[in-house]
Each structure stands twice: as structure tokens, then as C-alpha cells.
Protein backbone atom coordinates (compact mmCIF):
# COMPACT_ATOMS: atom_id res chain seq x y z
CA UNK A 1 139.59 -78.86 5.70
CA UNK A 2 139.40 -75.23 6.58
CA UNK A 3 137.13 -72.60 4.95
CA UNK A 4 137.85 -68.94 5.45
CA UNK A 5 135.17 -66.41 4.81
CA UNK A 6 137.01 -63.31 3.29
CA UNK A 7 133.89 -61.44 2.16
CA UNK A 8 130.27 -62.05 3.15
CA UNK A 9 128.19 -59.28 1.68
CA UNK A 10 126.99 -58.37 -1.81
CA UNK A 11 126.73 -55.17 -3.90
CA UNK A 12 129.13 -53.09 -2.02
CA UNK A 13 131.23 -53.34 1.20
CA UNK A 14 130.26 -51.77 4.37
CA UNK A 15 131.97 -51.13 7.62
CA UNK A 16 131.47 -54.77 8.71
CA UNK A 17 131.71 -56.89 5.57
CA UNK A 18 133.44 -57.02 2.18
CA UNK A 19 131.93 -58.59 -0.99
CA UNK A 20 131.90 -62.16 -1.85
CA UNK A 21 135.11 -64.20 -1.49
CA UNK A 22 135.43 -67.63 0.16
CA UNK A 23 138.78 -69.46 0.43
CA UNK A 24 140.05 -73.07 1.00
CA UNK A 25 143.68 -72.64 1.83
CA UNK A 26 144.52 -76.37 1.65
CA UNK A 27 142.96 -76.71 -1.86
CA UNK A 28 144.27 -73.36 -3.07
CA UNK A 29 140.70 -72.45 -4.19
CA UNK A 30 138.82 -69.12 -3.95
CA UNK A 31 135.05 -69.07 -4.63
CA UNK A 32 134.28 -65.70 -6.20
CA UNK A 33 136.57 -62.66 -6.30
CA UNK A 34 134.89 -59.75 -4.53
CA UNK A 35 136.59 -57.02 -2.49
CA UNK A 36 137.39 -59.70 0.19
CA UNK A 37 140.00 -60.81 -2.02
CA UNK A 38 142.59 -58.48 -0.69
CA UNK A 39 142.75 -60.62 2.53
CA UNK A 40 143.72 -63.73 0.62
CA UNK A 41 147.56 -63.46 0.91
CA UNK A 42 147.36 -63.92 4.76
CA UNK A 43 145.85 -67.32 4.21
CA UNK A 44 147.69 -68.86 1.25
CA UNK A 45 149.06 -72.38 1.80
CA UNK A 46 149.77 -73.56 -1.73
CA UNK A 47 151.91 -72.22 -4.66
CA UNK A 48 148.90 -72.28 -6.95
CA UNK A 49 145.63 -70.36 -6.80
CA UNK A 50 142.31 -71.38 -8.59
CA UNK A 51 139.44 -68.79 -8.54
CA UNK A 52 135.94 -70.14 -9.42
CA UNK A 53 133.47 -67.45 -10.39
CA UNK A 54 129.79 -67.97 -9.95
CA UNK A 55 129.08 -65.09 -12.36
CA UNK A 56 130.41 -61.73 -13.40
CA UNK A 57 128.61 -59.11 -11.40
CA UNK A 58 131.02 -56.55 -10.21
CA UNK A 59 130.69 -57.41 -6.60
CA UNK A 60 131.95 -60.95 -7.35
CA UNK A 61 134.78 -60.11 -9.67
CA UNK A 62 136.26 -56.69 -8.82
CA UNK A 63 138.84 -58.52 -6.71
CA UNK A 64 140.45 -59.97 -9.80
CA UNK A 65 142.10 -56.48 -10.28
CA UNK A 66 143.82 -57.05 -6.91
CA UNK A 67 145.69 -60.09 -8.21
CA UNK A 68 148.57 -57.98 -9.73
CA UNK A 69 149.57 -57.00 -6.27
CA UNK A 70 148.75 -60.31 -4.78
CA UNK A 71 150.93 -62.24 -7.23
CA UNK A 72 153.87 -59.82 -6.77
CA UNK A 73 153.72 -60.34 -3.03
CA UNK A 74 153.27 -63.97 -2.87
CA UNK A 75 155.29 -65.42 -5.89
CA UNK A 76 152.54 -67.83 -6.77
CA UNK A 77 153.51 -70.27 -9.55
CA UNK A 78 150.12 -70.16 -11.23
CA UNK A 79 146.86 -68.23 -11.01
CA UNK A 80 143.87 -69.58 -12.95
CA UNK A 81 140.46 -67.96 -13.05
CA UNK A 82 137.58 -70.38 -13.97
CA UNK A 83 134.10 -69.42 -15.13
CA UNK A 84 131.62 -69.66 -17.89
CA UNK A 85 133.08 -68.67 -21.16
CA UNK A 86 130.80 -65.69 -21.83
CA UNK A 87 131.44 -64.36 -18.29
CA UNK A 88 135.27 -64.73 -18.73
CA UNK A 89 135.04 -62.90 -22.10
CA UNK A 90 133.18 -59.95 -20.54
CA UNK A 91 135.67 -59.69 -17.73
CA UNK A 92 138.64 -59.68 -20.14
CA UNK A 93 137.02 -57.28 -22.52
CA UNK A 94 135.55 -54.67 -19.99
CA UNK A 95 137.18 -55.16 -16.42
CA UNK A 96 140.68 -55.28 -17.92
CA UNK A 97 140.15 -52.65 -20.66
CA UNK A 98 143.11 -50.10 -20.41
CA UNK A 99 140.56 -47.34 -19.73
CA UNK A 100 139.62 -48.98 -16.50
CA UNK A 101 142.76 -50.93 -15.42
CA UNK A 102 146.27 -50.30 -16.87
CA UNK A 103 147.89 -53.63 -16.75
CA UNK A 104 146.91 -56.76 -18.60
CA UNK A 105 146.29 -59.81 -16.41
CA UNK A 106 149.16 -62.28 -16.32
CA UNK A 107 147.08 -65.36 -15.22
CA UNK A 108 145.07 -67.95 -17.08
CA UNK A 109 141.28 -67.89 -17.88
CA UNK A 110 139.64 -71.33 -18.30
CA UNK A 111 136.07 -72.14 -19.10
CA UNK A 112 134.36 -74.21 -16.46
CA UNK A 113 134.34 -78.05 -17.18
CA UNK A 114 131.81 -80.57 -16.13
CA UNK A 115 134.25 -81.62 -13.31
CA UNK A 116 137.29 -79.89 -11.97
CA UNK A 117 139.99 -81.66 -9.92
CA UNK A 118 140.66 -80.28 -6.42
CA UNK A 119 143.48 -80.69 -3.96
CA UNK A 120 143.75 -83.09 -2.18
CA UNK A 121 141.81 -85.78 -4.12
CA UNK A 122 138.63 -83.87 -4.66
CA UNK A 123 136.46 -82.58 -7.33
CA UNK A 124 134.30 -79.48 -8.14
CA UNK A 125 131.09 -79.58 -10.17
CA UNK A 126 128.77 -76.66 -11.05
CA UNK A 127 125.05 -76.39 -11.60
CA UNK A 128 122.86 -73.56 -13.05
CA UNK A 129 121.01 -70.95 -10.89
CA UNK A 130 118.37 -68.36 -11.84
CA UNK A 131 119.64 -64.69 -11.60
CA UNK A 132 119.64 -61.80 -13.94
CA UNK A 133 122.64 -62.24 -16.17
CA UNK A 134 122.87 -65.96 -15.23
CA UNK A 135 124.93 -67.63 -12.50
CA UNK A 136 126.02 -70.98 -11.26
CA UNK A 137 126.61 -72.75 -7.94
CA UNK A 138 129.39 -75.08 -6.94
CA UNK A 139 129.56 -78.36 -5.13
CA UNK A 140 132.97 -79.47 -3.82
CA UNK A 141 133.58 -83.15 -2.83
CA UNK A 142 136.32 -84.95 -1.17
CA UNK A 143 136.35 -88.53 -0.13
CA UNK A 144 135.34 -87.53 3.47
CA UNK A 145 133.75 -84.11 3.27
CA UNK A 146 131.75 -81.86 0.98
CA UNK A 147 130.67 -78.28 0.54
CA UNK A 148 128.33 -76.28 -1.64
CA UNK A 149 128.26 -72.54 -2.50
CA UNK A 150 125.11 -71.05 -3.68
CA UNK A 151 124.71 -67.17 -4.22
CA UNK A 152 122.65 -64.79 -6.26
CA UNK A 153 119.58 -66.69 -6.58
CA UNK A 154 116.15 -67.20 -4.98
CA UNK A 155 115.71 -70.15 -2.69
CA UNK A 156 112.42 -72.01 -2.92
CA UNK A 157 111.34 -75.37 -1.82
CA UNK A 158 111.79 -78.05 -4.34
CA UNK A 159 114.09 -75.73 -6.28
CA UNK A 160 115.92 -77.08 -9.37
CA UNK A 161 119.34 -77.15 -7.57
CA UNK A 162 118.07 -79.19 -4.54
CA UNK A 163 119.70 -82.39 -5.77
CA UNK A 164 122.95 -80.70 -6.44
CA UNK A 165 123.37 -79.53 -2.72
CA UNK A 166 121.74 -82.52 -1.07
CA UNK A 167 123.57 -83.98 1.92
CA UNK A 168 126.72 -81.62 1.87
CA UNK A 169 128.44 -81.16 5.19
CA UNK A 170 128.40 -77.44 4.79
CA UNK A 171 126.12 -75.25 2.66
CA UNK A 172 127.11 -71.70 2.02
CA UNK A 173 123.89 -69.97 0.81
CA UNK A 174 123.13 -66.47 0.13
CA UNK A 175 120.54 -64.75 2.43
CA UNK A 176 120.37 -61.12 1.14
CA UNK A 177 117.12 -60.14 2.84
CA UNK A 178 115.20 -60.67 5.95
CA UNK A 179 111.74 -62.18 5.69
CA UNK A 180 110.14 -58.86 5.75
CA UNK A 181 111.60 -58.18 2.30
CA UNK A 182 110.74 -61.37 0.74
CA UNK A 183 108.95 -59.75 -2.20
CA UNK A 184 112.03 -57.68 -2.88
CA UNK A 185 114.25 -60.75 -2.75
CA UNK A 186 112.02 -62.47 -5.43
CA UNK A 187 112.07 -59.29 -7.52
CA UNK A 188 115.88 -58.91 -7.49
CA UNK A 189 116.84 -62.61 -7.77
CA UNK A 190 117.89 -63.05 -4.18
CA UNK A 191 116.81 -65.12 -1.00
CA UNK A 192 115.39 -64.36 2.30
CA UNK A 193 115.90 -66.04 5.72
CA UNK A 194 113.27 -68.52 6.19
CA UNK A 195 113.30 -69.87 2.55
CA UNK A 196 116.91 -70.59 2.81
CA UNK A 197 116.51 -72.45 6.07
CA UNK A 198 113.72 -74.48 4.81
CA UNK A 199 115.82 -75.35 1.77
CA UNK A 200 118.67 -76.53 3.91
CA UNK A 201 116.42 -78.71 5.95
CA UNK A 202 114.93 -80.20 2.78
CA UNK A 203 118.36 -80.83 1.35
CA UNK A 204 119.55 -82.57 4.51
CA UNK A 205 122.85 -80.54 4.82
CA UNK A 206 124.99 -80.82 7.94
CA UNK A 207 125.39 -77.05 8.60
CA UNK A 208 124.07 -73.89 6.88
CA UNK A 209 126.06 -70.78 6.74
CA UNK A 210 124.36 -67.67 5.58
CA UNK A 211 126.44 -65.33 3.47
CA UNK A 212 125.93 -62.47 0.79
CA UNK A 213 124.04 -60.52 3.35
CA UNK A 214 122.70 -57.16 2.17
CA UNK A 215 125.09 -54.25 2.83
CA UNK A 216 122.38 -51.63 3.64
CA UNK A 217 122.76 -52.47 7.30
CA UNK A 218 126.09 -53.03 9.24
CA UNK A 219 124.08 -54.55 12.17
CA UNK A 220 125.55 -57.74 13.50
CA UNK A 221 122.43 -59.68 12.45
CA UNK A 222 120.52 -57.86 9.83
CA UNK A 223 118.63 -60.99 8.46
CA UNK A 224 117.22 -62.60 11.57
CA UNK A 225 119.36 -65.59 12.49
CA UNK A 226 116.90 -66.79 15.01
CA UNK A 227 114.27 -67.12 12.39
CA UNK A 228 116.45 -69.47 10.42
CA UNK A 229 117.45 -71.46 13.50
CA UNK A 230 113.79 -72.15 14.44
CA UNK A 231 113.56 -73.99 11.13
CA UNK A 232 117.08 -75.44 10.83
CA UNK A 233 119.01 -75.37 14.03
CA UNK A 234 122.52 -75.78 12.63
CA UNK A 235 122.51 -72.35 10.99
CA UNK A 236 125.23 -69.79 11.35
CA UNK A 237 125.53 -66.26 10.07
CA UNK A 238 128.69 -65.90 8.04
CA UNK A 239 131.08 -63.05 9.20
CA UNK A 240 134.23 -61.76 7.54
CA UNK A 241 137.20 -63.55 8.90
CA UNK A 242 135.19 -66.58 10.07
CA UNK A 243 137.04 -69.92 9.82
CA UNK A 244 135.13 -73.10 9.53
CA UNK A 245 136.46 -76.58 9.90
CA UNK A 246 134.61 -79.31 8.09
């Protein structure tokens, strides 16, 4: 299974990264719909597209407005956006108001179910996370591999979502701040480097990929990758365009 990182920052794009969007071409599944969504047509491998939203903050959903052009260029048979009901309602009412966007969406909105089917022969489940406005994380399982995506929350040891991510082959976890800004991470509902690495180690995951990096710096490594690797060696810094086989 291939995972493509289309956008790996939060809040706003910078010269190095676009906002959150992860894509699994073989499954036809996108996780979040930030500005990185514009890259999706180059990676499509199915005739259907399912987009799973963690929450409705603009840096995670603004790419939904790109779908009009994507649908016209790719001739997809179906586009479905999945999310919590109140978040989908907010998107339909506000993001697609004619005052902001002139064309009504021609795809389906569906509330998240306890378990969603995935191609091929997999399933997606979600679990609650703590963040202003509310958000969820996702776990994706196939018979021989697994992936978890956690963004916009504060990583702590023995956190409530530990069981939901335990043992996955790949954990995509937000790491907005370096350790020097740990207090700001807690204040804003985000995570810092060493806390995420300790969580990955505690959860017994195979590989940790740090994403949703703060956009205030376009440096190659603004969060201190070496700090994470001292705690949990198989840690990588997610970059736009990175492809991960798992």
C-alpha cells in the first residue's frame, strides 16, 4: 500500500509545505482536504474518491473547494466527503455559501459511521481527540497492514487515544512545535516533538511520520527530528511529495 503526503503543514502554506492532505491511491482515500489537495489528480488510481475529514478548521477543508476542477479534469464516478455531522453542516453552510464560493458542490456528504469499508478489503474507524472545536483521529486496517492518522491534538503519555493507535505499522502524527515551545503546544491544542516520540514508543508502532508542522519556518527541520529519533528511532519528518510504502 502506498501513502502519498500531499500537504504536511498546518494553518497556512509556506514555500516548502501545503496544508494537511494525505492520500492512499490504491484505496482512493484522502485524509483531510487542505491546500495540498491540488496535487491529488496526479496520483489518482481509482474512479472513486472518499475524503475523510478530521475536523472543519479551514486549513483541513479549504481544498474541498478545489474539487470542482479536480472532478472536471479526472471524470471521477463518485466523490464522497465523510466527517462528523456538525462539521459537514458547517462546511455546507459556510464554505459553500454563494458569497464565498459560486458553485454548489456536486458530491456527497456522509456522516462518519462507526466503521467504514476501504479498498481493498479494509476498514476505517475513528476516535475522538481533544482540540478546540473538536476533532477525530483515524485508524485504517487491512488484513496485512495498518495506518493511523492523528492531527490537531496534544500528545501525552497514557493519552485517551493510545489504544486506538497501538501497534499500527505507520503512525502519522502531528508535531506542530519543537520542544522549546511545549507550553504553546499545550495552550493551542497541538503537540511537540519529544511528546509525540514518547507516545509512538509507548504505542508500539512500526514507524512514526511527523506531519502538520508549524508553517512559521520553512527550514527543512523546524521541529528537531534528532530529538524524536533519540526516543523512537524509526521516526521520519514528513515532507510534501513523500511516498511511503507500508
